[in-house]
Amino acid sequence: MGECTPLTKQRIFDPLRPRAHGGSSRPTDRRGVQLVRGLLALAYLLVALLFAIEFVVRAWRFGRYSGTLVEPLFRRWFPKGPAA
């Protein structure tokens, strides 16, 4: 086995760096890493969009938007709720 190295001298994981022991010596394909990062960003944007849609629908449906930063805007858009 090898020697233990202090945490300060350990190599930090980097998917673009070639492997130190075994496997391929080529760096990971950058396009693959960019694709994964792009898909992750898209997933986060979709979650934020769903949250925003749910927030607006709940404000319209139940009228509980007091105390939020968008209260003046929602009061103008939804003056009396869904059964106006």
C-alpha atoms as a PDB file:
ATOM      1  CA  MET A   1       0.000   0.000   0.000  1.00  0.00           C
ATOM      2  CA  GLY A   2       1.031   3.615  -0.233  1.00  0.00           C
ATOM      3  CA  GLU A   3       1.794   6.151   2.428  1.00  0.00           C
ATOM      4  CA  CYS A   4      -0.948   8.281   3.902  1.00  0.00           C
ATOM      5  CA  THR A   5      -0.627  11.916   2.991  1.00  0.00           C
ATOM      6  CA  PRO A   6      -1.858  14.809   5.115  1.00  0.00           C
ATOM      7  CA  LEU A   7      -5.142  16.330   4.017  1.00  0.00           C
ATOM      8  CA  THR A   8      -3.364  19.516   2.971  1.00  0.00           C
ATOM      9  CA  LYS A   9      -1.325  17.622   0.398  1.00  0.00           C
ATOM     10  CA  GLN A  10      -4.073  15.415  -1.013  1.00  0.00           C
ATOM     11  CA  ARG A  11      -5.128  16.067  -4.576  1.00  0.00           C
ATOM     12  CA  ILE A  12      -8.574  17.522  -4.970  1.00  0.00           C
ATOM     13  CA  PHE A  13     -10.891  15.631  -7.305  1.00  0.00           C
ATOM     14  CA  ASP A  14     -11.019  17.236 -10.718  1.00  0.00           C
ATOM     15  CA  PRO A  15     -12.930  15.450 -13.482  1.00  0.00           C
ATOM     16  CA  LEU A  16     -10.717  17.055 -16.139  1.00  0.00           C
ATOM     17  CA  ARG A  17      -7.438  15.852 -14.602  1.00  0.00           C
ATOM     18  CA  PRO A  18      -6.017  12.509 -15.787  1.00  0.00           C
ATOM     19  CA  ARG A  19      -6.240   9.611 -13.347  1.00  0.00           C
ATOM     20  CA  ALA A  20      -3.198   9.108 -11.145  1.00  0.00           C
ATOM     21  CA  HIS A  21      -3.482   5.326 -10.705  1.00  0.00           C
ATOM     22  CA  GLY A  22      -4.753   3.006 -13.386  1.00  0.00           C
ATOM     23  CA  GLY A  23      -7.372   3.595 -16.018  1.00  0.00           C
ATOM     24  CA  SER A  24      -6.993   5.905 -18.934  1.00  0.00           C
ATOM     25  CA  SER A  25      -4.316   8.566 -18.902  1.00  0.00           C
ATOM     26  CA  ARG A  26      -6.454  10.835 -21.070  1.00  0.00           C
ATOM     27  CA  PRO A  27      -8.395  13.649 -19.394  1.00  0.00           C
ATOM     28  CA  THR A  28     -12.149  13.286 -19.298  1.00  0.00           C
ATOM     29  CA  ASP A  29     -13.929  14.558 -22.367  1.00  0.00           C
ATOM     30  CA  ARG A  30     -14.745  18.219 -21.698  1.00  0.00           C
ATOM     31  CA  ARG A  31     -17.887  18.053 -23.811  1.00  0.00           C
ATOM     32  CA  GLY A  32     -19.299  15.368 -21.542  1.00  0.00           C
ATOM     33  CA  VAL A  33     -18.606  17.457 -18.447  1.00  0.00           C
ATOM     34  CA  GLN A  34     -20.162  20.507 -20.078  1.00  0.00           C
ATOM     35  CA  LEU A  35     -23.217  18.482 -21.054  1.00  0.00           C
ATOM     36  CA  VAL A  36     -23.734  17.284 -17.486  1.00  0.00           C
ATOM     37  CA  ARG A  37     -23.295  20.800 -16.110  1.00  0.00           C
ATOM     38  CA  GLY A  38     -25.733  22.173 -18.679  1.00  0.00           C
ATOM     39  CA  LEU A  39     -28.332  19.526 -17.835  1.00  0.00           C
ATOM     40  CA  LEU A  40     -27.910  20.293 -14.143  1.00  0.00           C
ATOM     41  CA  ALA A  41     -28.410  24.003 -14.787  1.00  0.00           C
ATOM     42  CA  LEU A  42     -31.515  23.227 -16.844  1.00  0.00           C
ATOM     43  CA  ALA A  43     -32.884  21.054 -14.034  1.00  0.00           C
ATOM     44  CA  TYR A  44     -32.381  23.868 -11.509  1.00  0.00           C
ATOM     45  CA  LEU A  45     -34.114  26.341 -13.827  1.00  0.00           C
ATOM     46  CA  LEU A  46     -37.086  24.000 -14.245  1.00  0.00           C
ATOM     47  CA  VAL A  47     -37.414  23.582 -10.482  1.00  0.00           C
ATOM     48  CA  ALA A  48     -37.306  27.374 -10.021  1.00  0.00           C
ATOM     49  CA  LEU A  49     -39.938  27.822 -12.736  1.00  0.00           C
ATOM     50  CA  LEU A  50     -42.224  25.249 -11.121  1.00  0.00           C
ATOM     51  CA  PHE A  51     -41.806  26.967  -7.749  1.00  0.00           C
ATOM     52  CA  ALA A  52     -42.674  30.353  -9.259  1.00  0.00           C
ATOM     53  CA  ILE A  53     -45.769  28.937 -10.994  1.00  0.00           C
ATOM     54  CA  GLU A  54     -46.912  27.269  -7.769  1.00  0.00           C
ATOM     55  CA  PHE A  55     -46.373  30.503  -5.832  1.00  0.00           C
ATOM     56  CA  VAL A  56     -48.485  32.533  -8.277  1.00  0.00           C
ATOM     57  CA  VAL A  57     -51.268  29.919  -8.438  1.00  0.00           C
ATOM     58  CA  ARG A  58     -51.444  29.682  -4.661  1.00  0.00           C
ATOM     59  CA  ALA A  59     -51.552  33.472  -4.367  1.00  0.00           C
ATOM     60  CA  TRP A  60     -54.424  33.580  -6.868  1.00  0.00           C
ATOM     61  CA  ARG A  61     -56.281  30.601  -5.417  1.00  0.00           C
ATOM     62  CA  PHE A  62     -55.977  31.279  -1.685  1.00  0.00           C
ATOM     63  CA  GLY A  63     -55.093  34.984  -1.540  1.00  0.00           C
ATOM     64  CA  ARG A  64     -52.416  34.456   1.130  1.00  0.00           C
ATOM     65  CA  TYR A  65     -49.710  36.756  -0.108  1.00  0.00           C
ATOM     66  CA  SER A  66     -49.426  39.246   2.727  1.00  0.00           C
ATOM     67  CA  GLY A  67     -45.920  39.791   3.981  1.00  0.00           C
ATOM     68  CA  THR A  68     -44.192  38.869   0.720  1.00  0.00           C
ATOM     69  CA  LEU A  69     -42.156  41.180  -1.480  1.00  0.00           C
ATOM     70  CA  VAL A  70     -44.625  40.812  -4.339  1.00  0.00           C
ATOM     71  CA  GLU A  71     -47.700  41.650  -2.242  1.00  0.00           C
ATOM     72  CA  PRO A  72     -48.493  44.987  -4.004  1.00  0.00           C
ATOM     73  CA  LEU A  73     -48.225  43.340  -7.416  1.00  0.00           C
ATOM     74  CA  PHE A  74     -50.434  40.382  -6.443  1.00  0.00           C
ATOM     75  CA  ARG A  75     -53.030  42.667  -4.844  1.00  0.00           C
ATOM     76  CA  ARG A  76     -53.288  44.523  -8.154  1.00  0.00           C
ATOM     77  CA  TRP A  77     -53.415  41.343 -10.268  1.00  0.00           C
ATOM     78  CA  PHE A  78     -55.736  39.301  -7.999  1.00  0.00           C
ATOM     79  CA  PRO A  79     -57.973  41.782  -6.170  1.00  0.00           C
ATOM     80  CA  LYS A  80     -60.593  39.284  -4.947  1.00  0.00           C
ATOM     81  CA  GLY A  81     -59.180  35.817  -5.570  1.00  0.00           C
ATOM     82  CA  PRO A  82     -60.372  33.171  -8.051  1.00  0.00           C
ATOM     83  CA  ALA A  83     -64.118  33.693  -7.532  1.00  0.00           C
ATOM     84  CA  ALA A  84     -64.156  37.351  -8.488  1.00  0.00           C
END
